[in-house]
Amino acid sequence: MKPSFSEFQFAYSVTRELDDNPARLFGLPYIPNQREEALHGYDVAFPNGFIPLFLQFKLAERLIQPNANQWNDFNRSYFRFNIYPDNRSHQHNSLRQLALSDSNFLVCYCAPLFIEFQDLMQYHLNFPMPDFLATPECTWSESLTSHALAF
């Protein structure tokens, strides 16, 4: 099942919530242009906060059938998004390089744990969005040629 909202809608909600954080842990968001995103791999950065944070937003599909590839890893429905091979996009390897360049950097994928627009709207208006996110760090693997991330 695919999400009923766009990556941009999701990214806006998360970025706004991090920017509105009363503790101001992350500072002012930096949104790169397309050339910079292609070079560095992230969609938004909060480089000047207490925790330098770099996020790459992904929309995951929800897999609900027992014959789905990673079903045996979870024994229930799960979410998955693709990480493209390096010959198609250098994104993952760029993110990994960024994460390894400074141990203080927190470089993560950021994906929702829901697929309905109604849920996005509810979380955006009423709840702390980070409670409903998967944020795996980009240092967890070697450089990739092709992969998918399931959670």
N, C-alpha and C. Protein backbone atom coordinates (compact mmCIF):
# COMPACT_ATOMS: atom_id res chain seq x y z
N MET A 1 0.85 -1.17 0.00
CA MET A 1 0.00 0.00 0.00
C MET A 1 0.89 1.23 0.00
N LYS A 2 0.61 2.12 -0.94
CA LYS A 2 1.43 3.33 -1.08
C LYS A 2 0.80 4.48 -0.28
N PRO A 3 1.63 5.43 0.17
CA PRO A 3 1.11 6.58 0.92
C PRO A 3 0.17 7.43 0.08
N SER A 4 -0.79 8.06 0.73
CA SER A 4 -1.74 8.92 0.05
C SER A 4 -1.37 10.40 0.22
N PHE A 5 -0.09 10.66 0.47
CA PHE A 5 0.41 12.03 0.57
C PHE A 5 1.79 12.06 -0.08
N SER A 6 2.28 13.25 -0.36
CA SER A 6 3.56 13.38 -1.06
C SER A 6 4.72 13.46 -0.06
N GLU A 7 5.89 13.18 -0.58
CA GLU A 7 7.11 13.33 0.24
C GLU A 7 7.26 14.77 0.69
N PHE A 8 6.91 15.71 -0.18
CA PHE A 8 7.02 17.12 0.17
C PHE A 8 6.10 17.48 1.34
N GLN A 9 4.85 16.97 1.33
CA GLN A 9 3.93 17.24 2.44
C GLN A 9 4.50 16.69 3.75
N PHE A 10 5.02 15.49 3.70
CA PHE A 10 5.61 14.87 4.88
C PHE A 10 6.83 15.66 5.35
N ALA A 11 7.71 16.01 4.42
CA ALA A 11 8.94 16.74 4.76
C ALA A 11 8.60 18.08 5.41
N TYR A 12 7.60 18.76 4.87
CA TYR A 12 7.20 20.05 5.44
C TYR A 12 6.77 19.88 6.90
N SER A 13 5.93 18.89 7.17
CA SER A 13 5.43 18.68 8.53
C SER A 13 6.55 18.40 9.52
N VAL A 14 7.48 17.56 9.14
CA VAL A 14 8.59 17.22 10.03
C VAL A 14 9.50 18.43 10.23
N THR A 15 9.84 19.11 9.13
CA THR A 15 10.73 20.27 9.22
C THR A 15 10.11 21.36 10.07
N ARG A 16 8.83 21.61 9.86
CA ARG A 16 8.15 22.64 10.65
C ARG A 16 8.17 22.29 12.13
N GLU A 17 7.92 21.02 12.45
CA GLU A 17 7.91 20.64 13.86
C GLU A 17 9.30 20.78 14.48
N LEU A 18 10.33 20.37 13.77
CA LEU A 18 11.69 20.52 14.31
C LEU A 18 12.05 21.99 14.46
N ASP A 19 11.63 22.81 13.52
CA ASP A 19 11.90 24.24 13.59
C ASP A 19 11.12 24.91 14.72
N ASP A 20 9.91 24.41 14.99
CA ASP A 20 9.07 24.99 16.05
C ASP A 20 9.43 24.48 17.44
N ASN A 21 10.36 23.56 17.55
CA ASN A 21 10.74 22.99 18.84
C ASN A 21 11.11 24.11 19.80
N PRO A 22 10.40 24.20 20.94
CA PRO A 22 10.67 25.31 21.86
C PRO A 22 12.09 25.32 22.42
N ALA A 23 12.74 24.18 22.50
CA ALA A 23 14.10 24.12 23.01
C ALA A 23 15.11 24.60 21.98
N ARG A 24 14.70 24.71 20.71
CA ARG A 24 15.57 25.15 19.62
C ARG A 24 16.86 24.33 19.56
N LEU A 25 16.71 23.03 19.71
CA LEU A 25 17.86 22.13 19.68
C LEU A 25 18.54 22.09 18.32
N PHE A 26 17.79 22.36 17.27
CA PHE A 26 18.32 22.13 15.94
C PHE A 26 18.68 23.41 15.17
N GLY A 27 18.20 24.56 15.59
CA GLY A 27 18.50 25.80 14.88
C GLY A 27 17.68 25.96 13.62
N LEU A 28 18.11 26.86 12.77
CA LEU A 28 17.40 27.20 11.53
C LEU A 28 17.60 26.10 10.49
N PRO A 29 16.52 25.65 9.84
CA PRO A 29 16.68 24.62 8.81
C PRO A 29 17.34 25.18 7.55
N TYR A 30 18.16 24.35 6.94
CA TYR A 30 18.77 24.69 5.65
C TYR A 30 18.24 23.70 4.63
N ILE A 31 17.62 24.21 3.58
CA ILE A 31 17.07 23.36 2.52
C ILE A 31 17.93 23.58 1.27
N PRO A 32 18.65 22.55 0.86
CA PRO A 32 19.57 22.71 -0.26
C PRO A 32 18.83 22.83 -1.59
N ASN A 33 19.50 23.43 -2.57
CA ASN A 33 18.94 23.42 -3.91
C ASN A 33 19.15 22.02 -4.51
N GLN A 34 18.62 21.77 -5.69
CA GLN A 34 18.68 20.41 -6.27
C GLN A 34 20.11 19.96 -6.52
N ARG A 35 20.97 20.88 -6.93
CA ARG A 35 22.36 20.52 -7.17
C ARG A 35 23.05 20.10 -5.87
N GLU A 36 22.81 20.87 -4.82
CA GLU A 36 23.40 20.54 -3.51
C GLU A 36 22.85 19.22 -2.97
N GLU A 37 21.54 19.00 -3.15
CA GLU A 37 20.96 17.73 -2.69
C GLU A 37 21.59 16.55 -3.42
N ALA A 38 21.78 16.70 -4.72
CA ALA A 38 22.40 15.62 -5.50
C ALA A 38 23.82 15.35 -5.02
N LEU A 39 24.52 16.39 -4.62
CA LEU A 39 25.90 16.26 -4.18
C LEU A 39 26.00 15.67 -2.77
N HIS A 40 25.16 16.16 -1.85
CA HIS A 40 25.28 15.78 -0.43
C HIS A 40 24.28 14.73 0.03
N GLY A 41 23.14 14.61 -0.66
CA GLY A 41 22.20 13.54 -0.37
C GLY A 41 21.06 13.87 0.58
N TYR A 42 21.09 14.99 1.27
CA TYR A 42 20.03 15.27 2.24
C TYR A 42 19.00 16.25 1.69
N ASP A 43 17.77 16.16 2.26
CA ASP A 43 16.68 17.06 1.89
C ASP A 43 16.65 18.32 2.75
N VAL A 44 17.01 18.18 4.01
CA VAL A 44 17.04 19.32 4.93
C VAL A 44 18.14 19.08 5.95
N ALA A 45 18.75 20.17 6.36
CA ALA A 45 19.79 20.10 7.39
C ALA A 45 19.50 21.14 8.46
N PHE A 46 19.86 20.79 9.67
CA PHE A 46 19.85 21.72 10.79
C PHE A 46 21.30 21.74 11.29
N PRO A 47 22.21 22.39 10.53
CA PRO A 47 23.64 22.24 10.81
C PRO A 47 24.15 23.05 12.00
N ASN A 48 23.38 24.03 12.46
CA ASN A 48 23.89 24.93 13.49
C ASN A 48 23.30 24.72 14.87
N GLY A 49 22.58 23.64 15.05
CA GLY A 49 21.96 23.40 16.34
C GLY A 49 22.87 22.63 17.29
N PHE A 50 22.35 22.32 18.43
CA PHE A 50 23.06 21.54 19.44
C PHE A 50 23.46 20.18 18.86
N ILE A 51 22.58 19.62 18.04
CA ILE A 51 22.85 18.37 17.34
C ILE A 51 22.78 18.68 15.84
N PRO A 52 23.90 18.68 15.12
CA PRO A 52 23.83 18.88 13.66
C PRO A 52 23.07 17.72 13.02
N LEU A 53 21.91 18.01 12.46
CA LEU A 53 20.99 16.99 11.95
C LEU A 53 20.82 17.15 10.45
N PHE A 54 20.92 16.02 9.71
CA PHE A 54 20.74 15.99 8.27
C PHE A 54 19.73 14.90 7.96
N LEU A 55 18.64 15.25 7.26
CA LEU A 55 17.57 14.29 6.99
C LEU A 55 17.36 14.10 5.50
N GLN A 56 17.16 12.85 5.13
CA GLN A 56 16.71 12.50 3.78
C GLN A 56 15.33 11.88 3.95
N PHE A 57 14.31 12.53 3.45
CA PHE A 57 12.94 12.05 3.60
C PHE A 57 12.64 10.96 2.58
N LYS A 58 11.94 9.96 3.03
CA LYS A 58 11.50 8.86 2.18
C LYS A 58 10.06 8.53 2.52
N LEU A 59 9.28 8.16 1.51
CA LEU A 59 7.95 7.61 1.74
C LEU A 59 8.07 6.11 1.58
N ALA A 60 7.60 5.40 2.56
CA ALA A 60 7.66 3.94 2.52
C ALA A 60 6.29 3.38 2.15
N GLU A 61 6.31 2.26 1.47
CA GLU A 61 5.04 1.57 1.25
C GLU A 61 4.85 0.60 2.40
N ARG A 62 3.59 0.31 2.70
CA ARG A 62 3.27 -0.64 3.76
C ARG A 62 2.96 -1.97 3.10
N LEU A 63 3.68 -2.99 3.50
CA LEU A 63 3.48 -4.33 2.94
C LEU A 63 2.66 -5.14 3.94
N ILE A 64 1.56 -5.70 3.46
CA ILE A 64 0.60 -6.34 4.36
C ILE A 64 0.38 -7.82 4.06
N GLN A 65 0.98 -8.31 2.99
CA GLN A 65 0.76 -9.70 2.59
C GLN A 65 1.87 -10.61 3.12
N PRO A 66 1.51 -11.80 3.60
CA PRO A 66 2.52 -12.73 4.10
C PRO A 66 3.55 -13.18 3.06
N ASN A 67 3.29 -12.96 1.78
CA ASN A 67 4.27 -13.34 0.76
C ASN A 67 5.23 -12.19 0.42
N ALA A 68 5.16 -11.07 1.14
CA ALA A 68 6.09 -9.96 0.92
C ALA A 68 7.50 -10.40 1.30
N ASN A 69 8.50 -9.83 0.63
CA ASN A 69 9.88 -10.29 0.75
C ASN A 69 10.40 -10.44 2.19
N GLN A 70 10.19 -9.44 3.03
CA GLN A 70 10.75 -9.48 4.38
C GLN A 70 9.72 -9.87 5.45
N TRP A 71 8.61 -10.45 5.04
CA TRP A 71 7.56 -10.81 6.00
C TRP A 71 8.11 -11.67 7.13
N ASN A 72 8.95 -12.64 6.82
CA ASN A 72 9.48 -13.55 7.84
C ASN A 72 10.37 -12.84 8.85
N ASP A 73 10.89 -11.68 8.50
CA ASP A 73 11.69 -10.91 9.46
C ASP A 73 10.81 -10.25 10.52
N PHE A 74 9.55 -10.00 10.19
CA PHE A 74 8.66 -9.26 11.08
C PHE A 74 7.45 -10.06 11.57
N ASN A 75 6.99 -11.01 10.75
CA ASN A 75 5.77 -11.77 11.02
C ASN A 75 4.55 -10.87 11.24
N ARG A 76 4.53 -9.77 10.52
CA ARG A 76 3.42 -8.81 10.54
C ARG A 76 3.63 -7.84 9.39
N SER A 77 2.68 -6.95 9.18
CA SER A 77 2.87 -5.94 8.14
C SER A 77 4.07 -5.07 8.51
N TYR A 78 4.69 -4.49 7.49
CA TYR A 78 5.87 -3.66 7.72
C TYR A 78 5.98 -2.61 6.63
N PHE A 79 6.92 -1.70 6.80
CA PHE A 79 7.16 -0.62 5.84
C PHE A 79 8.49 -0.87 5.14
N ARG A 80 8.59 -0.35 3.90
CA ARG A 80 9.84 -0.52 3.15
C ARG A 80 9.98 0.62 2.14
N PHE A 81 11.20 1.12 2.00
CA PHE A 81 11.51 2.04 0.91
C PHE A 81 12.81 1.59 0.25
N ASN A 82 12.94 1.93 -1.01
CA ASN A 82 14.11 1.54 -1.78
C ASN A 82 15.24 2.53 -1.59
N ILE A 83 16.44 1.99 -1.59
CA ILE A 83 17.65 2.79 -1.66
C ILE A 83 18.25 2.45 -3.01
N TYR A 84 18.41 3.44 -3.84
CA TYR A 84 18.81 3.18 -5.22
C TYR A 84 20.27 2.79 -5.34
N PRO A 85 20.59 2.01 -6.37
CA PRO A 85 21.99 1.64 -6.60
C PRO A 85 22.83 2.88 -6.93
N ASP A 86 24.10 2.80 -6.61
CA ASP A 86 25.00 3.94 -6.79
C ASP A 86 25.08 4.39 -8.24
N ASN A 87 24.90 3.48 -9.19
CA ASN A 87 24.97 3.90 -10.60
C ASN A 87 23.71 4.67 -11.03
N ARG A 88 22.67 4.67 -10.19
CA ARG A 88 21.45 5.44 -10.47
C ARG A 88 21.39 6.72 -9.64
N SER A 89 21.86 6.62 -8.40
CA SER A 89 21.87 7.77 -7.50
C SER A 89 22.96 7.55 -6.45
N HIS A 90 23.75 8.57 -6.22
CA HIS A 90 24.82 8.50 -5.22
C HIS A 90 24.30 8.86 -3.83
N GLN A 91 22.99 9.01 -3.69
CA GLN A 91 22.41 9.55 -2.47
C GLN A 91 22.84 8.81 -1.21
N HIS A 92 22.64 7.50 -1.16
CA HIS A 92 22.96 6.78 0.07
C HIS A 92 24.44 6.88 0.40
N ASN A 93 25.28 6.69 -0.59
CA ASN A 93 26.71 6.72 -0.32
C ASN A 93 27.16 8.13 0.07
N SER A 94 26.52 9.16 -0.48
CA SER A 94 26.81 10.54 -0.07
C SER A 94 26.39 10.78 1.38
N LEU A 95 25.22 10.28 1.75
CA LEU A 95 24.76 10.42 3.13
C LEU A 95 25.70 9.68 4.09
N ARG A 96 26.10 8.51 3.70
CA ARG A 96 27.00 7.72 4.55
C ARG A 96 28.33 8.45 4.72
N GLN A 97 28.86 8.99 3.63
CA GLN A 97 30.12 9.76 3.71
C GLN A 97 29.98 10.95 4.64
N LEU A 98 28.84 11.66 4.54
CA LEU A 98 28.59 12.80 5.41
C LEU A 98 28.55 12.35 6.87
N ALA A 99 27.84 11.26 7.14
CA ALA A 99 27.72 10.74 8.51
C ALA A 99 29.08 10.37 9.08
N LEU A 100 29.93 9.79 8.27
CA LEU A 100 31.24 9.35 8.74
C LEU A 100 32.26 10.48 8.81
N SER A 101 31.95 11.63 8.21
CA SER A 101 32.90 12.75 8.18
C SER A 101 33.02 13.46 9.53
N ASP A 102 31.99 13.32 10.39
CA ASP A 102 32.02 13.98 11.69
C ASP A 102 31.14 13.18 12.64
N SER A 103 31.71 12.70 13.73
CA SER A 103 30.95 11.84 14.66
C SER A 103 29.83 12.61 15.37
N ASN A 104 29.85 13.95 15.31
CA ASN A 104 28.77 14.73 15.92
C ASN A 104 27.56 14.87 15.02
N PHE A 105 27.72 14.56 13.73
CA PHE A 105 26.61 14.68 12.79
C PHE A 105 25.63 13.54 12.99
N LEU A 106 24.35 13.85 12.97
CA LEU A 106 23.29 12.84 12.97
C LEU A 106 22.67 12.89 11.57
N VAL A 107 22.95 11.85 10.78
CA VAL A 107 22.51 11.79 9.39
C VAL A 107 21.54 10.61 9.28
N CYS A 108 20.29 10.90 8.93
CA CYS A 108 19.25 9.87 8.99
C CYS A 108 18.33 9.92 7.78
N TYR A 109 17.79 8.77 7.47
CA TYR A 109 16.59 8.73 6.65
C TYR A 109 15.44 9.04 7.59
N CYS A 110 14.37 9.57 7.05
CA CYS A 110 13.20 9.89 7.86
C CYS A 110 11.96 9.46 7.09
N ALA A 111 11.24 8.48 7.62
CA ALA A 111 10.07 7.94 6.93
C ALA A 111 8.90 7.85 7.92
N PRO A 112 7.69 8.07 7.44
CA PRO A 112 6.53 7.98 8.33
C PRO A 112 6.16 6.52 8.62
N LEU A 113 5.61 6.31 9.79
CA LEU A 113 5.08 4.99 10.16
C LEU A 113 3.57 4.96 9.95
N PHE A 114 3.14 5.57 8.87
CA PHE A 114 1.73 5.62 8.48
C PHE A 114 1.68 5.92 6.99
N ILE A 115 0.52 5.69 6.36
CA ILE A 115 0.42 5.93 4.91
C ILE A 115 -0.79 6.78 4.53
N GLU A 116 -1.67 7.07 5.47
CA GLU A 116 -2.89 7.81 5.15
C GLU A 116 -2.71 9.32 5.37
N PHE A 117 -3.24 10.10 4.43
CA PHE A 117 -3.18 11.56 4.54
C PHE A 117 -3.85 12.04 5.82
N GLN A 118 -4.95 11.40 6.19
CA GLN A 118 -5.65 11.76 7.43
C GLN A 118 -4.73 11.65 8.63
N ASP A 119 -3.91 10.60 8.68
CA ASP A 119 -2.97 10.44 9.78
C ASP A 119 -1.93 11.56 9.77
N LEU A 120 -1.41 11.89 8.58
CA LEU A 120 -0.45 12.98 8.48
C LEU A 120 -1.06 14.27 9.02
N MET A 121 -2.30 14.53 8.65
CA MET A 121 -2.98 15.74 9.10
C MET A 121 -3.15 15.74 10.63
N GLN A 122 -3.56 14.61 11.18
CA GLN A 122 -3.74 14.52 12.64
C GLN A 122 -2.42 14.71 13.38
N TYR A 123 -1.38 14.03 12.92
CA TYR A 123 -0.08 14.14 13.59
C TYR A 123 0.46 15.55 13.44
N HIS A 124 0.27 16.14 12.28
CA HIS A 124 0.76 17.49 12.02
C HIS A 124 0.10 18.49 12.97
N LEU A 125 -1.17 18.31 13.24
CA LEU A 125 -1.91 19.28 14.05
C LEU A 125 -1.89 18.99 15.55
N ASN A 126 -1.81 17.71 15.93
CA ASN A 126 -2.09 17.36 17.33
C ASN A 126 -1.02 16.62 18.10
N PHE A 127 -0.07 16.04 17.45
CA PHE A 127 0.86 15.16 18.15
C PHE A 127 2.30 15.48 17.77
N PRO A 128 3.23 15.08 18.62
CA PRO A 128 4.64 15.23 18.23
C PRO A 128 4.96 14.28 17.07
N MET A 129 5.26 14.83 15.91
CA MET A 129 5.54 14.02 14.73
C MET A 129 6.65 12.99 14.95
N PRO A 130 7.75 13.31 15.67
CA PRO A 130 8.81 12.31 15.81
C PRO A 130 8.38 10.99 16.44
N ASP A 131 7.26 10.97 17.15
CA ASP A 131 6.77 9.72 17.73
C ASP A 131 6.25 8.77 16.66
N PHE A 132 6.09 9.24 15.44
CA PHE A 132 5.49 8.44 14.38
C PHE A 132 6.42 8.32 13.18
N LEU A 133 7.74 8.33 13.46
CA LEU A 133 8.73 8.30 12.39
C LEU A 133 9.71 7.15 12.59
N ALA A 134 10.22 6.68 11.49
CA ALA A 134 11.38 5.79 11.51
C ALA A 134 12.56 6.64 11.06
N THR A 135 13.64 6.64 11.83
CA THR A 135 14.80 7.47 11.48
C THR A 135 16.10 6.67 11.57
N PRO A 136 16.27 5.70 10.70
CA PRO A 136 17.52 4.94 10.73
C PRO A 136 18.71 5.80 10.31
N GLU A 137 19.80 5.67 11.07
CA GLU A 137 21.01 6.42 10.75
C GLU A 137 21.67 5.86 9.49
N CYS A 138 22.40 6.69 8.80
CA CYS A 138 23.02 6.32 7.52
C CYS A 138 24.39 5.68 7.68
N THR A 139 24.81 5.40 8.89
CA THR A 139 26.12 4.77 9.10
C THR A 139 25.98 3.26 9.24
N TRP A 140 24.79 2.73 9.13
CA TRP A 140 24.53 1.32 9.43
C TRP A 140 25.03 0.34 8.39
N SER A 141 25.46 0.80 7.25
CA SER A 141 25.86 -0.16 6.23
C SER A 141 27.08 0.32 5.48
N GLU A 142 27.64 -0.58 4.75
CA GLU A 142 28.72 -0.23 3.83
C GLU A 142 28.11 0.55 2.68
N SER A 143 28.96 1.04 1.82
CA SER A 143 28.45 1.65 0.59
C SER A 143 27.61 0.63 -0.14
N LEU A 144 26.53 1.09 -0.75
CA LEU A 144 25.58 0.18 -1.35
C LEU A 144 25.60 0.21 -2.86
N THR A 145 25.28 -0.92 -3.44
CA THR A 145 25.03 -0.97 -4.88
C THR A 145 23.53 -1.06 -5.13
N SER A 146 22.77 -1.69 -4.24
CA SER A 146 21.31 -1.77 -4.36
C SER A 146 20.76 -2.29 -3.04
N HIS A 147 19.60 -1.77 -2.61
CA HIS A 147 19.07 -2.21 -1.33
C HIS A 147 17.67 -1.64 -1.11
N ALA A 148 17.00 -2.20 -0.13
CA ALA A 148 15.75 -1.64 0.38
C ALA A 148 15.85 -1.67 1.89
N LEU A 149 15.22 -0.72 2.52
CA LEU A 149 15.22 -0.66 3.98
C LEU A 149 13.81 -0.99 4.46
N ALA A 150 13.71 -2.00 5.32
CA ALA A 150 12.41 -2.43 5.86
C ALA A 150 12.39 -2.18 7.36
N PHE A 151 11.22 -1.80 7.87
CA PHE A 151 11.07 -1.53 9.31
C PHE A 151 9.63 -1.71 9.73
